[in-house]
C-alpha atoms as a PDB file:
ATOM      1  CA  UNK A   1       0.000   0.000   0.000  1.00  0.00           C
ATOM      2  CA  UNK A   2       1.232   3.480  -0.846  1.00  0.00           C
ATOM      3  CA  UNK A   3       0.779   6.099   1.843  1.00  0.00           C
ATOM      4  CA  UNK A   4      -0.277   9.659   1.072  1.00  0.00           C
ATOM      5  CA  UNK A   5       2.690  12.009   1.163  1.00  0.00           C
ATOM      6  CA  UNK A   6       5.182   9.197   0.722  1.00  0.00           C
ATOM      7  CA  UNK A   7       8.246  10.135  -1.353  1.00  0.00           C
ATOM      8  CA  UNK A   8       7.791   9.245  -5.020  1.00  0.00           C
ATOM      9  CA  UNK A   9      10.899   7.068  -5.128  1.00  0.00           C
ATOM     10  CA  UNK A  10       9.666   4.907  -2.249  1.00  0.00           C
ATOM     11  CA  UNK A  11       6.187   4.639  -3.767  1.00  0.00           C
ATOM     12  CA  UNK A  12       7.640   3.575  -7.134  1.00  0.00           C
ATOM     13  CA  UNK A  13       9.792   0.947  -5.409  1.00  0.00           C
ATOM     14  CA  UNK A  14       6.658  -0.531  -3.824  1.00  0.00           C
ATOM     15  CA  UNK A  15       4.899  -0.527  -7.199  1.00  0.00           C
ATOM     16  CA  UNK A  16       7.909  -2.174  -8.863  1.00  0.00           C
ATOM     17  CA  UNK A  17       7.955  -4.930  -6.250  1.00  0.00           C
ATOM     18  CA  UNK A  18       4.249  -5.598  -6.825  1.00  0.00           C
ATOM     19  CA  UNK A  19       4.503  -5.843 -10.615  1.00  0.00           C
ATOM     20  CA  UNK A  20       4.298  -9.225 -12.272  1.00  0.00           C
ATOM     21  CA  UNK A  21       6.701  -9.717 -15.177  1.00  0.00           C
ATOM     22  CA  UNK A  22       6.018 -13.414 -15.673  1.00  0.00           C
ATOM     23  CA  UNK A  23       3.652 -12.901 -18.622  1.00  0.00           C
ATOM     24  CA  UNK A  24       3.053 -10.531 -21.508  1.00  0.00           C
ATOM     25  CA  UNK A  25      -0.151  -9.313 -19.850  1.00  0.00           C
ATOM     26  CA  UNK A  26       1.687  -8.573 -16.606  1.00  0.00           C
ATOM     27  CA  UNK A  27       4.372  -6.619 -18.443  1.00  0.00           C
ATOM     28  CA  UNK A  28       1.776  -4.642 -20.436  1.00  0.00           C
ATOM     29  CA  UNK A  29      -0.276  -3.904 -17.303  1.00  0.00           C
ATOM     30  CA  UNK A  30       2.819  -2.655 -15.456  1.00  0.00           C
ATOM     31  CA  UNK A  31       3.907  -0.384 -18.277  1.00  0.00           C
ATOM     32  CA  UNK A  32       0.372   0.936 -18.715  1.00  0.00           C
ATOM     33  CA  UNK A  33       0.149   1.766 -14.990  1.00  0.00           C
ATOM     34  CA  UNK A  34       3.451   3.668 -15.031  1.00  0.00           C
ATOM     35  CA  UNK A  35       2.514   5.608 -18.171  1.00  0.00           C
ATOM     36  CA  UNK A  36      -0.860   6.499 -16.632  1.00  0.00           C
ATOM     37  CA  UNK A  37       0.892   7.890 -13.532  1.00  0.00           C
ATOM     38  CA  UNK A  38       3.161   9.978 -15.768  1.00  0.00           C
ATOM     39  CA  UNK A  39       0.246  11.247 -17.866  1.00  0.00           C
ATOM     40  CA  UNK A  40      -1.645  12.243 -14.708  1.00  0.00           C
ATOM     41  CA  UNK A  41       1.382  14.206 -13.514  1.00  0.00           C
ATOM     42  CA  UNK A  42       1.881  11.976 -10.492  1.00  0.00           C
ATOM     43  CA  UNK A  43       5.421  11.043 -11.560  1.00  0.00           C
ATOM     44  CA  UNK A  44       7.925  12.761 -13.821  1.00  0.00           C
ATOM     45  CA  UNK A  45       9.382  11.299 -16.993  1.00  0.00           C
ATOM     46  CA  UNK A  46      12.714  10.916 -15.156  1.00  0.00           C
ATOM     47  CA  UNK A  47      11.019   8.997 -12.333  1.00  0.00           C
ATOM     48  CA  UNK A  48       9.288   6.810 -14.912  1.00  0.00           C
ATOM     49  CA  UNK A  49      12.594   6.065 -16.611  1.00  0.00           C
ATOM     50  CA  UNK A  50      14.208   5.152 -13.252  1.00  0.00           C
ATOM     51  CA  UNK A  51      11.346   2.758 -12.464  1.00  0.00           C
END
């Protein structure tokens, strides 16, 4: 769970740990989630690239 006000880097680390890369669907879902966060302005392009 991501807590409100938590530093972006820590939140992205939690998201990364929760992602499933064992299937094409899991990879696509993970990428889609990160792109959606970027598009909503919740993470920067640099933070997305580091994730």
